[in-house]
N, C-alpha and C. Protein backbone atom coordinates (compact mmCIF):
# COMPACT_ATOMS: atom_id res chain seq x y z
N MET A 1 0.84 -1.18 0.00
CA MET A 1 0.00 0.00 0.00
C MET A 1 0.88 1.24 0.00
N THR A 2 0.65 2.15 -0.93
CA THR A 2 1.37 3.40 -0.94
C THR A 2 0.36 4.53 -0.84
N GLY A 3 0.74 5.58 -0.16
CA GLY A 3 -0.18 6.70 0.01
C GLY A 3 0.37 7.67 1.03
N PHE A 4 -0.47 8.59 1.41
CA PHE A 4 -0.09 9.62 2.37
C PHE A 4 0.29 8.97 3.71
N ILE A 5 -0.50 7.99 4.12
CA ILE A 5 -0.26 7.34 5.40
C ILE A 5 0.19 5.90 5.15
N GLU A 6 1.38 5.58 5.58
CA GLU A 6 1.91 4.22 5.46
C GLU A 6 1.84 3.53 6.81
N PRO A 7 1.83 2.19 6.83
CA PRO A 7 1.83 1.48 8.11
C PRO A 7 3.06 1.85 8.93
N VAL A 8 2.85 2.07 10.22
CA VAL A 8 3.94 2.45 11.10
C VAL A 8 3.60 1.98 12.51
N ILE A 9 4.61 1.61 13.28
CA ILE A 9 4.43 1.29 14.69
C ILE A 9 4.93 2.48 15.49
N LEU A 10 4.09 2.98 16.39
CA LEU A 10 4.41 4.14 17.21
C LEU A 10 4.55 3.66 18.66
N THR A 11 5.70 3.94 19.26
CA THR A 11 6.01 3.38 20.57
C THR A 11 6.33 4.47 21.57
N GLY A 12 5.70 4.38 22.74
CA GLY A 12 5.97 5.28 23.85
C GLY A 12 6.40 4.51 25.08
N ALA A 13 6.45 5.19 26.21
CA ALA A 13 6.88 4.54 27.45
C ALA A 13 5.83 3.55 27.95
N HIS A 14 4.55 3.85 27.73
CA HIS A 14 3.47 3.03 28.27
C HIS A 14 2.56 2.44 27.20
N ALA A 15 2.61 2.97 25.99
CA ALA A 15 1.68 2.56 24.94
C ALA A 15 2.44 2.27 23.65
N THR A 16 1.92 1.29 22.92
CA THR A 16 2.40 1.00 21.58
C THR A 16 1.20 0.94 20.65
N LEU A 17 1.28 1.64 19.53
CA LEU A 17 0.23 1.61 18.51
C LEU A 17 0.78 0.87 17.29
N GLU A 18 0.05 -0.15 16.85
CA GLU A 18 0.49 -0.91 15.69
C GLU A 18 -0.66 -1.07 14.73
N PRO A 19 -0.39 -1.17 13.43
CA PRO A 19 -1.46 -1.30 12.45
C PRO A 19 -2.35 -2.50 12.75
N MET A 20 -3.65 -2.28 12.65
CA MET A 20 -4.63 -3.32 12.93
C MET A 20 -4.61 -4.39 11.85
N SER A 21 -4.86 -5.63 12.27
CA SER A 21 -5.01 -6.74 11.33
C SER A 21 -6.08 -7.69 11.87
N GLN A 22 -6.43 -8.68 11.07
CA GLN A 22 -7.40 -9.68 11.50
C GLN A 22 -6.91 -10.45 12.72
N ASP A 23 -5.62 -10.50 12.92
CA ASP A 23 -5.07 -11.20 14.08
C ASP A 23 -5.42 -10.55 15.41
N HIS A 24 -5.96 -9.34 15.37
CA HIS A 24 -6.22 -8.59 16.60
C HIS A 24 -7.67 -8.72 17.09
N VAL A 25 -8.48 -9.50 16.40
CA VAL A 25 -9.91 -9.56 16.74
C VAL A 25 -10.13 -9.98 18.19
N GLN A 26 -9.50 -11.07 18.63
CA GLN A 26 -9.75 -11.57 19.98
C GLN A 26 -9.26 -10.58 21.05
N GLY A 27 -8.12 -9.98 20.82
CA GLY A 27 -7.61 -8.99 21.77
C GLY A 27 -8.52 -7.79 21.89
N LEU A 28 -9.05 -7.32 20.76
CA LEU A 28 -9.98 -6.21 20.79
C LEU A 28 -11.30 -6.59 21.46
N ALA A 29 -11.75 -7.82 21.24
CA ALA A 29 -12.98 -8.29 21.88
C ALA A 29 -12.82 -8.29 23.40
N ARG A 30 -11.68 -8.75 23.88
CA ARG A 30 -11.43 -8.73 25.33
C ARG A 30 -11.38 -7.29 25.86
N ALA A 31 -10.76 -6.39 25.09
CA ALA A 31 -10.68 -5.00 25.53
C ALA A 31 -12.06 -4.36 25.60
N ALA A 32 -12.92 -4.63 24.61
CA ALA A 32 -14.26 -4.05 24.59
C ALA A 32 -15.13 -4.59 25.72
N ALA A 33 -14.88 -5.83 26.13
CA ALA A 33 -15.65 -6.43 27.22
C ALA A 33 -15.32 -5.78 28.56
N ASP A 34 -14.12 -5.22 28.69
CA ASP A 34 -13.70 -4.56 29.93
C ASP A 34 -14.39 -3.21 30.03
N GLY A 35 -15.50 -3.17 30.73
CA GLY A 35 -16.29 -1.95 30.85
C GLY A 35 -17.55 -1.97 30.03
N GLU A 36 -17.77 -3.08 29.28
CA GLU A 36 -18.96 -3.21 28.43
C GLU A 36 -19.19 -1.94 27.62
N LEU A 37 -18.16 -1.56 26.87
CA LEU A 37 -18.16 -0.28 26.16
C LEU A 37 -19.28 -0.18 25.13
N HIS A 38 -19.73 -1.31 24.60
CA HIS A 38 -20.79 -1.29 23.59
C HIS A 38 -22.12 -0.83 24.16
N ASP A 39 -22.24 -0.81 25.49
CA ASP A 39 -23.50 -0.36 26.11
C ASP A 39 -23.64 1.16 26.14
N LEU A 40 -22.59 1.88 25.81
CA LEU A 40 -22.67 3.35 25.78
C LEU A 40 -23.33 3.75 24.46
N TRP A 41 -24.55 4.24 24.54
CA TRP A 41 -25.36 4.46 23.33
C TRP A 41 -24.76 5.50 22.38
N PHE A 42 -23.92 6.39 22.89
CA PHE A 42 -23.38 7.47 22.06
C PHE A 42 -22.03 7.11 21.45
N THR A 43 -21.60 5.84 21.56
CA THR A 43 -20.37 5.41 20.92
C THR A 43 -20.69 4.33 19.90
N SER A 44 -19.67 3.93 19.14
CA SER A 44 -19.87 2.89 18.13
C SER A 44 -18.92 1.72 18.36
N VAL A 45 -18.71 1.38 19.63
CA VAL A 45 -17.86 0.24 19.97
C VAL A 45 -18.66 -1.03 19.72
N ALA A 46 -18.05 -1.98 19.05
CA ALA A 46 -18.73 -3.23 18.73
C ALA A 46 -18.85 -4.11 19.97
N GLU A 47 -19.91 -4.90 20.03
CA GLU A 47 -19.99 -5.94 21.03
C GLU A 47 -18.85 -6.92 20.79
N PRO A 48 -18.32 -7.53 21.85
CA PRO A 48 -17.21 -8.47 21.65
C PRO A 48 -17.51 -9.53 20.59
N ALA A 49 -18.75 -10.03 20.55
CA ALA A 49 -19.10 -11.08 19.59
C ALA A 49 -19.11 -10.57 18.15
N LYS A 50 -19.15 -9.26 17.96
CA LYS A 50 -19.20 -8.68 16.62
C LYS A 50 -17.88 -8.00 16.22
N MET A 51 -16.82 -8.29 16.98
CA MET A 51 -15.56 -7.60 16.73
C MET A 51 -14.96 -7.97 15.38
N GLN A 52 -15.23 -9.18 14.90
CA GLN A 52 -14.73 -9.58 13.57
C GLN A 52 -15.22 -8.61 12.50
N ASP A 53 -16.52 -8.27 12.56
CA ASP A 53 -17.09 -7.34 11.59
C ASP A 53 -16.51 -5.94 11.76
N TYR A 54 -16.27 -5.53 13.01
CA TYR A 54 -15.69 -4.22 13.29
C TYR A 54 -14.31 -4.11 12.64
N VAL A 55 -13.49 -5.14 12.83
CA VAL A 55 -12.14 -5.13 12.26
C VAL A 55 -12.21 -5.15 10.74
N LYS A 56 -13.10 -5.96 10.20
CA LYS A 56 -13.26 -6.02 8.74
C LYS A 56 -13.60 -4.65 8.16
N ALA A 57 -14.51 -3.93 8.83
CA ALA A 57 -14.91 -2.59 8.36
C ALA A 57 -13.74 -1.61 8.48
N ALA A 58 -12.96 -1.71 9.55
CA ALA A 58 -11.81 -0.82 9.73
C ALA A 58 -10.77 -1.05 8.64
N LEU A 59 -10.53 -2.32 8.30
CA LEU A 59 -9.55 -2.63 7.26
C LEU A 59 -10.06 -2.23 5.88
N ALA A 60 -11.38 -2.30 5.67
CA ALA A 60 -11.95 -1.83 4.41
C ALA A 60 -11.77 -0.31 4.28
N MET A 61 -11.94 0.42 5.39
CA MET A 61 -11.71 1.86 5.37
C MET A 61 -10.24 2.16 5.03
N ARG A 62 -9.35 1.35 5.56
CA ARG A 62 -7.93 1.51 5.24
C ARG A 62 -7.69 1.33 3.74
N ASP A 63 -8.21 0.24 3.19
CA ASP A 63 -7.94 -0.11 1.80
C ASP A 63 -8.65 0.81 0.80
N GLU A 64 -9.84 1.27 1.16
CA GLU A 64 -10.65 2.05 0.21
C GLU A 64 -10.52 3.56 0.39
N GLN A 65 -10.15 4.01 1.59
CA GLN A 65 -10.16 5.45 1.86
C GLN A 65 -8.84 5.99 2.40
N GLY A 66 -7.82 5.12 2.50
CA GLY A 66 -6.52 5.60 2.95
C GLY A 66 -6.39 5.82 4.43
N ALA A 67 -7.31 5.24 5.21
CA ALA A 67 -7.23 5.37 6.67
C ALA A 67 -6.14 4.46 7.22
N MET A 68 -5.82 4.61 8.50
CA MET A 68 -4.87 3.72 9.17
C MET A 68 -5.38 3.41 10.57
N PRO A 69 -6.05 2.24 10.72
CA PRO A 69 -6.49 1.84 12.06
C PRO A 69 -5.35 1.19 12.84
N PHE A 70 -5.27 1.51 14.12
CA PHE A 70 -4.26 0.96 15.00
C PHE A 70 -4.92 0.20 16.14
N VAL A 71 -4.22 -0.80 16.66
CA VAL A 71 -4.56 -1.33 17.97
C VAL A 71 -3.61 -0.70 18.96
N ALA A 72 -4.11 -0.50 20.18
CA ALA A 72 -3.32 0.10 21.24
C ALA A 72 -2.96 -0.99 22.25
N ARG A 73 -1.68 -1.14 22.50
CA ARG A 73 -1.19 -2.14 23.44
C ARG A 73 -0.52 -1.46 24.64
N LEU A 74 -0.60 -2.14 25.78
CA LEU A 74 0.22 -1.73 26.91
C LEU A 74 1.67 -2.10 26.59
N ALA A 75 2.58 -1.16 26.75
CA ALA A 75 3.98 -1.45 26.47
C ALA A 75 4.49 -2.55 27.39
N ALA A 76 4.02 -2.55 28.64
CA ALA A 76 4.39 -3.60 29.58
C ALA A 76 3.40 -4.76 29.43
N GLY A 77 3.84 -5.88 28.92
CA GLY A 77 2.98 -7.05 28.79
C GLY A 77 2.36 -7.23 27.42
N GLY A 78 2.13 -6.15 26.70
CA GLY A 78 1.63 -6.24 25.34
C GLY A 78 0.14 -6.48 25.18
N ASP A 79 -0.64 -6.39 26.26
CA ASP A 79 -2.09 -6.59 26.13
C ASP A 79 -2.71 -5.53 25.24
N ILE A 80 -3.62 -5.94 24.36
CA ILE A 80 -4.40 -4.99 23.57
C ILE A 80 -5.48 -4.40 24.46
N VAL A 81 -5.53 -3.07 24.53
CA VAL A 81 -6.50 -2.41 25.41
C VAL A 81 -7.37 -1.41 24.66
N GLY A 82 -7.31 -1.41 23.33
CA GLY A 82 -8.18 -0.50 22.59
C GLY A 82 -7.72 -0.28 21.17
N THR A 83 -8.26 0.75 20.57
CA THR A 83 -7.97 1.05 19.18
C THR A 83 -8.16 2.54 18.91
N THR A 84 -7.51 3.02 17.87
CA THR A 84 -7.67 4.39 17.40
C THR A 84 -7.32 4.41 15.91
N ARG A 85 -7.53 5.54 15.26
CA ARG A 85 -7.42 5.52 13.80
C ARG A 85 -7.11 6.91 13.24
N PHE A 86 -6.25 6.96 12.21
CA PHE A 86 -6.18 8.10 11.30
C PHE A 86 -7.22 7.84 10.21
N PHE A 87 -8.06 8.82 9.91
CA PHE A 87 -9.04 8.64 8.83
C PHE A 87 -9.49 10.02 8.35
N ASN A 88 -10.50 10.03 7.46
CA ASN A 88 -10.88 11.30 6.80
C ASN A 88 -9.62 12.00 6.28
N VAL A 89 -8.81 11.24 5.60
CA VAL A 89 -7.50 11.71 5.17
C VAL A 89 -7.65 12.58 3.92
N ASP A 90 -7.08 13.77 3.98
CA ASP A 90 -7.07 14.70 2.85
C ASP A 90 -5.60 15.00 2.55
N ALA A 91 -4.97 14.14 1.75
CA ALA A 91 -3.53 14.27 1.50
C ALA A 91 -3.18 15.58 0.81
N LYS A 92 -4.03 16.01 -0.13
CA LYS A 92 -3.75 17.24 -0.88
C LYS A 92 -3.62 18.43 0.06
N ASN A 93 -4.51 18.49 1.05
CA ASN A 93 -4.50 19.62 1.99
C ASN A 93 -3.81 19.29 3.31
N ARG A 94 -3.19 18.10 3.38
CA ARG A 94 -2.40 17.67 4.54
C ARG A 94 -3.21 17.79 5.83
N ARG A 95 -4.39 17.18 5.79
CA ARG A 95 -5.28 17.14 6.95
C ARG A 95 -5.71 15.70 7.20
N LEU A 96 -6.02 15.41 8.43
CA LEU A 96 -6.62 14.11 8.75
C LEU A 96 -7.37 14.25 10.07
N GLU A 97 -8.11 13.20 10.38
CA GLU A 97 -8.84 13.14 11.64
C GLU A 97 -8.32 11.97 12.45
N ILE A 98 -8.28 12.15 13.76
CA ILE A 98 -8.00 11.06 14.69
C ILE A 98 -9.31 10.70 15.38
N GLY A 99 -9.68 9.43 15.32
CA GLY A 99 -10.94 9.04 15.95
C GLY A 99 -11.12 7.54 15.95
N HIS A 100 -12.40 7.13 16.08
CA HIS A 100 -12.73 5.71 16.27
C HIS A 100 -11.91 5.17 17.45
N THR A 101 -11.76 6.01 18.47
CA THR A 101 -10.89 5.69 19.60
C THR A 101 -11.72 5.16 20.77
N TRP A 102 -11.32 4.03 21.29
CA TRP A 102 -11.90 3.53 22.54
C TRP A 102 -10.87 2.67 23.26
N TYR A 103 -10.99 2.65 24.59
CA TYR A 103 -10.05 1.92 25.42
C TYR A 103 -10.78 1.12 26.48
N ALA A 104 -10.20 0.00 26.87
CA ALA A 104 -10.72 -0.79 27.98
C ALA A 104 -10.80 0.07 29.24
N LYS A 105 -11.75 -0.25 30.07
CA LYS A 105 -11.98 0.54 31.28
C LYS A 105 -10.72 0.66 32.14
N ARG A 106 -9.91 -0.39 32.17
CA ARG A 106 -8.75 -0.38 33.07
C ARG A 106 -7.70 0.65 32.72
N VAL A 107 -7.70 1.18 31.48
CA VAL A 107 -6.72 2.21 31.15
C VAL A 107 -7.36 3.60 31.01
N GLN A 108 -8.67 3.68 31.19
CA GLN A 108 -9.32 4.98 31.16
C GLN A 108 -8.93 5.77 32.42
N ARG A 109 -8.85 7.07 32.27
CA ARG A 109 -8.47 7.97 33.37
C ARG A 109 -7.05 7.70 33.86
N THR A 110 -6.23 7.22 32.93
CA THR A 110 -4.78 7.10 33.19
C THR A 110 -4.10 7.97 32.14
N GLY A 111 -2.80 7.91 32.10
CA GLY A 111 -2.09 8.68 31.07
C GLY A 111 -2.01 7.97 29.73
N PHE A 112 -2.68 6.82 29.61
CA PHE A 112 -2.55 6.01 28.40
C PHE A 112 -3.05 6.76 27.17
N ASN A 113 -4.24 7.34 27.24
CA ASN A 113 -4.79 8.08 26.09
C ASN A 113 -3.91 9.28 25.75
N THR A 114 -3.43 9.97 26.78
CA THR A 114 -2.57 11.13 26.53
C THR A 114 -1.33 10.72 25.74
N GLU A 115 -0.71 9.59 26.13
CA GLU A 115 0.47 9.16 25.41
C GLU A 115 0.13 8.73 23.98
N CYS A 116 -0.99 8.02 23.81
CA CYS A 116 -1.39 7.62 22.46
C CYS A 116 -1.60 8.84 21.58
N LYS A 117 -2.27 9.86 22.10
CA LYS A 117 -2.50 11.08 21.32
C LYS A 117 -1.18 11.78 21.02
N LEU A 118 -0.26 11.79 21.97
CA LEU A 118 1.06 12.39 21.71
C LEU A 118 1.76 11.66 20.57
N LEU A 119 1.70 10.34 20.57
CA LEU A 119 2.32 9.55 19.50
C LEU A 119 1.69 9.86 18.15
N LEU A 120 0.36 9.87 18.11
CA LEU A 120 -0.35 10.11 16.85
C LEU A 120 -0.12 11.53 16.33
N LEU A 121 -0.22 12.50 17.21
CA LEU A 121 -0.06 13.90 16.80
C LEU A 121 1.38 14.19 16.36
N THR A 122 2.35 13.61 17.07
CA THR A 122 3.74 13.79 16.67
C THR A 122 3.95 13.25 15.26
N HIS A 123 3.40 12.07 15.00
CA HIS A 123 3.54 11.50 13.65
C HIS A 123 2.83 12.37 12.61
N ALA A 124 1.63 12.83 12.95
CA ALA A 124 0.86 13.63 11.99
C ALA A 124 1.56 14.94 11.65
N PHE A 125 2.02 15.66 12.66
CA PHE A 125 2.61 16.97 12.42
C PHE A 125 4.07 16.91 12.00
N GLU A 126 4.82 15.95 12.52
CA GLU A 126 6.27 15.96 12.29
C GLU A 126 6.72 14.99 11.19
N ALA A 127 6.00 13.90 10.99
CA ALA A 127 6.37 12.96 9.91
C ALA A 127 5.55 13.22 8.65
N LEU A 128 4.26 13.53 8.82
CA LEU A 128 3.38 13.74 7.66
C LEU A 128 3.23 15.21 7.29
N SER A 129 3.75 16.11 8.13
CA SER A 129 3.66 17.57 7.89
C SER A 129 2.22 18.03 7.72
N CYS A 130 1.33 17.50 8.56
CA CYS A 130 -0.07 17.95 8.52
C CYS A 130 -0.17 19.41 8.93
N ILE A 131 -1.15 20.10 8.35
CA ILE A 131 -1.41 21.47 8.75
C ILE A 131 -2.57 21.55 9.74
N ALA A 132 -3.35 20.47 9.85
CA ALA A 132 -4.45 20.43 10.81
C ALA A 132 -4.82 18.99 11.09
N VAL A 133 -5.19 18.72 12.34
CA VAL A 133 -5.69 17.41 12.77
C VAL A 133 -7.02 17.65 13.48
N GLU A 134 -8.04 16.91 13.05
CA GLU A 134 -9.39 17.06 13.61
C GLU A 134 -9.71 15.94 14.59
N PHE A 135 -10.62 16.25 15.49
CA PHE A 135 -11.25 15.27 16.38
C PHE A 135 -12.74 15.57 16.36
N ARG A 136 -13.56 14.52 16.33
CA ARG A 136 -15.01 14.70 16.34
C ARG A 136 -15.61 13.73 17.35
N THR A 137 -16.70 14.15 17.97
CA THR A 137 -17.37 13.28 18.93
C THR A 137 -18.85 13.64 19.02
N HIS A 138 -19.61 12.73 19.57
CA HIS A 138 -21.05 12.92 19.76
C HIS A 138 -21.28 14.03 20.79
N TRP A 139 -22.28 14.85 20.55
CA TRP A 139 -22.63 15.93 21.48
C TRP A 139 -22.79 15.41 22.90
N PHE A 140 -23.39 14.22 23.05
CA PHE A 140 -23.67 13.69 24.38
C PHE A 140 -22.51 12.90 24.98
N ASN A 141 -21.39 12.80 24.28
CA ASN A 141 -20.23 12.12 24.83
C ASN A 141 -19.39 13.16 25.58
N PHE A 142 -19.90 13.54 26.74
CA PHE A 142 -19.28 14.63 27.50
C PHE A 142 -17.86 14.28 27.93
N ALA A 143 -17.62 13.01 28.28
CA ALA A 143 -16.27 12.61 28.69
C ALA A 143 -15.29 12.77 27.53
N SER A 144 -15.70 12.38 26.33
CA SER A 144 -14.83 12.52 25.16
C SER A 144 -14.58 13.99 24.85
N ARG A 145 -15.61 14.80 24.92
CA ARG A 145 -15.43 16.24 24.65
C ARG A 145 -14.42 16.85 25.62
N ALA A 146 -14.54 16.50 26.89
CA ALA A 146 -13.61 17.04 27.88
C ALA A 146 -12.19 16.53 27.64
N ALA A 147 -12.07 15.25 27.26
CA ALA A 147 -10.74 14.68 27.01
C ALA A 147 -10.08 15.35 25.81
N ILE A 148 -10.85 15.62 24.76
CA ILE A 148 -10.30 16.27 23.57
C ILE A 148 -9.84 17.69 23.92
N ALA A 149 -10.65 18.41 24.68
CA ALA A 149 -10.26 19.76 25.09
C ALA A 149 -9.00 19.74 25.94
N ARG A 150 -8.87 18.72 26.82
CA ARG A 150 -7.67 18.63 27.67
C ARG A 150 -6.41 18.41 26.85
N LEU A 151 -6.54 17.84 25.66
CA LEU A 151 -5.37 17.67 24.79
C LEU A 151 -4.81 19.02 24.34
N GLY A 152 -5.67 20.01 24.30
CA GLY A 152 -5.28 21.31 23.76
C GLY A 152 -5.97 21.64 22.46
N ALA A 153 -6.87 20.76 22.01
CA ALA A 153 -7.64 21.04 20.78
C ALA A 153 -8.68 22.11 21.07
N LYS A 154 -8.98 22.88 20.04
CA LYS A 154 -9.99 23.94 20.17
C LYS A 154 -11.26 23.51 19.44
N GLN A 155 -12.41 23.87 20.01
CA GLN A 155 -13.68 23.51 19.39
C GLN A 155 -13.95 24.42 18.20
N ASP A 156 -14.17 23.80 17.03
CA ASP A 156 -14.47 24.55 15.82
C ASP A 156 -15.96 24.83 15.68
N GLY A 157 -16.79 23.89 16.14
CA GLY A 157 -18.23 24.08 16.00
C GLY A 157 -18.98 22.77 16.18
N VAL A 158 -20.28 22.84 15.92
CA VAL A 158 -21.16 21.68 16.05
C VAL A 158 -21.90 21.47 14.73
N LEU A 159 -21.80 20.26 14.20
CA LEU A 159 -22.53 19.90 12.99
C LEU A 159 -23.86 19.30 13.42
N ARG A 160 -24.95 20.04 13.24
CA ARG A 160 -26.27 19.60 13.71
C ARG A 160 -26.83 18.55 12.77
N ASN A 161 -27.48 17.52 13.34
CA ASN A 161 -28.03 16.42 12.54
C ASN A 161 -27.00 15.92 11.52
N HIS A 162 -25.81 15.69 12.00
CA HIS A 162 -24.69 15.34 11.12
C HIS A 162 -24.77 13.91 10.61
N GLN A 163 -25.25 12.98 11.45
CA GLN A 163 -25.30 11.59 11.05
C GLN A 163 -26.57 10.93 11.58
N VAL A 164 -27.04 9.94 10.83
CA VAL A 164 -28.12 9.08 11.31
C VAL A 164 -27.47 7.80 11.81
N LEU A 165 -27.67 7.49 13.09
CA LEU A 165 -27.02 6.33 13.69
C LEU A 165 -27.80 5.05 13.42
N ALA A 166 -27.20 3.93 13.77
CA ALA A 166 -27.80 2.63 13.46
C ALA A 166 -29.19 2.47 14.06
N ASP A 167 -29.44 3.10 15.21
CA ASP A 167 -30.76 2.98 15.84
C ASP A 167 -31.75 4.01 15.32
N GLY A 168 -31.34 4.81 14.32
CA GLY A 168 -32.22 5.80 13.72
C GLY A 168 -32.13 7.17 14.35
N SER A 169 -31.43 7.30 15.48
CA SER A 169 -31.29 8.61 16.11
C SER A 169 -30.32 9.47 15.31
N LYS A 170 -30.42 10.78 15.50
CA LYS A 170 -29.57 11.73 14.76
C LYS A 170 -28.48 12.25 15.68
N ARG A 171 -27.29 12.26 15.15
CA ARG A 171 -26.13 12.69 15.94
C ARG A 171 -25.74 14.12 15.61
N ASP A 172 -25.63 14.95 16.64
CA ASP A 172 -24.95 16.24 16.53
C ASP A 172 -23.48 15.97 16.82
N THR A 173 -22.60 16.41 15.92
CA THR A 173 -21.17 16.13 16.03
C THR A 173 -20.41 17.38 16.42
N VAL A 174 -19.62 17.28 17.50
CA VAL A 174 -18.78 18.39 17.94
C VAL A 174 -17.41 18.22 17.28
N VAL A 175 -16.94 19.27 16.61
CA VAL A 175 -15.68 19.24 15.87
C VAL A 175 -14.63 20.07 16.59
N PHE A 176 -13.47 19.46 16.80
CA PHE A 176 -12.32 20.13 17.39
C PHE A 176 -11.15 20.01 16.41
N SER A 177 -10.14 20.85 16.58
CA SER A 177 -8.93 20.69 15.78
C SER A 177 -7.72 21.28 16.49
N ILE A 178 -6.57 20.81 16.04
CA ILE A 178 -5.27 21.40 16.38
C ILE A 178 -4.62 21.75 15.05
N ILE A 179 -4.09 22.95 14.93
CA ILE A 179 -3.43 23.35 13.69
C ILE A 179 -1.92 23.41 13.91
N ASP A 180 -1.19 23.44 12.79
CA ASP A 180 0.25 23.24 12.87
C ASP A 180 0.97 24.26 13.73
N ASN A 181 0.55 25.53 13.70
CA ASN A 181 1.28 26.51 14.51
C ASN A 181 0.97 26.39 16.00
N GLU A 182 -0.07 25.61 16.35
CA GLU A 182 -0.37 25.35 17.76
C GLU A 182 0.37 24.12 18.28
N TRP A 183 0.88 23.29 17.37
CA TRP A 183 1.44 22.02 17.76
C TRP A 183 2.58 22.12 18.78
N PRO A 184 3.55 23.03 18.65
CA PRO A 184 4.62 23.05 19.66
C PRO A 184 4.11 23.24 21.08
N ALA A 185 3.13 24.12 21.27
CA ALA A 185 2.58 24.34 22.61
C ALA A 185 1.77 23.13 23.08
N VAL A 186 1.00 22.53 22.16
CA VAL A 186 0.22 21.34 22.52
C VAL A 186 1.15 20.20 22.90
N LYS A 187 2.22 20.02 22.15
CA LYS A 187 3.19 18.96 22.45
C LYS A 187 3.80 19.16 23.83
N ARG A 188 4.16 20.39 24.13
CA ARG A 188 4.74 20.69 25.44
C ARG A 188 3.72 20.39 26.55
N HIS A 189 2.46 20.76 26.31
CA HIS A 189 1.39 20.52 27.28
C HIS A 189 1.19 19.02 27.51
N LEU A 190 1.16 18.22 26.44
CA LEU A 190 0.96 16.78 26.59
C LEU A 190 2.12 16.14 27.34
N ARG A 191 3.33 16.56 27.06
CA ARG A 191 4.48 16.03 27.80
C ARG A 191 4.41 16.42 29.26
N PHE A 192 3.96 17.63 29.54
CA PHE A 192 3.80 18.07 30.92
C PHE A 192 2.77 17.22 31.64
N GLN A 193 1.64 16.93 30.96
CA GLN A 193 0.60 16.09 31.56
C GLN A 193 1.14 14.69 31.87
N LEU A 194 1.91 14.13 30.95
CA LEU A 194 2.48 12.81 31.19
C LEU A 194 3.50 12.82 32.32
N ASP A 195 4.33 13.85 32.40
CA ASP A 195 5.32 13.94 33.46
C ASP A 195 4.67 14.02 34.83
N LYS A 196 3.50 14.68 34.91
CA LYS A 196 2.80 14.79 36.20
C LYS A 196 2.34 13.43 36.71
N ARG A 197 2.12 12.47 35.80
CA ARG A 197 1.60 11.15 36.18
C ARG A 197 2.72 10.18 36.55
N ARG A 198 3.96 10.56 36.32
CA ARG A 198 5.07 9.63 36.59
C ARG A 198 5.48 9.71 38.05
């Protein structure tokens, strides 16, 4: 596969992100079961029994739209504890979105997400020379909105009735972004947040 985003393994002190494959289905199913994440109506986490289809759809997005889905592992022990993705890739304008992110309950409210975002953003801005990185979430996903803001992203706006979900409800989508001239300060902030947890 050749394109704007190539497969890459991103490694930090506590987290490793590696390109998703069919081999990761069982690990992702175990991660989703930790906290019963599929029960959160405002997210799109697959039930553990449907993780095969979730992975198949993620890999189709990679092959057809230039996305790059990752599994997130604990650096210590190597357990898969979630997933995240580069997608909505606009190579011409050097933009992409980070999303489809979820983590097992045991790593929520730790520095794990902060480190994963630092790895992804560093790659986006410093290896891919992106000029902007977006984050989007459901209006009612208050925890996600707060987490995105804590990264240093700024809210761009709300897309009303942006999507029709599987249950027929309509999603208002909150859009955030970080732009290239903000990246040095955001990077410093994320490193500061991680240092506080050590």
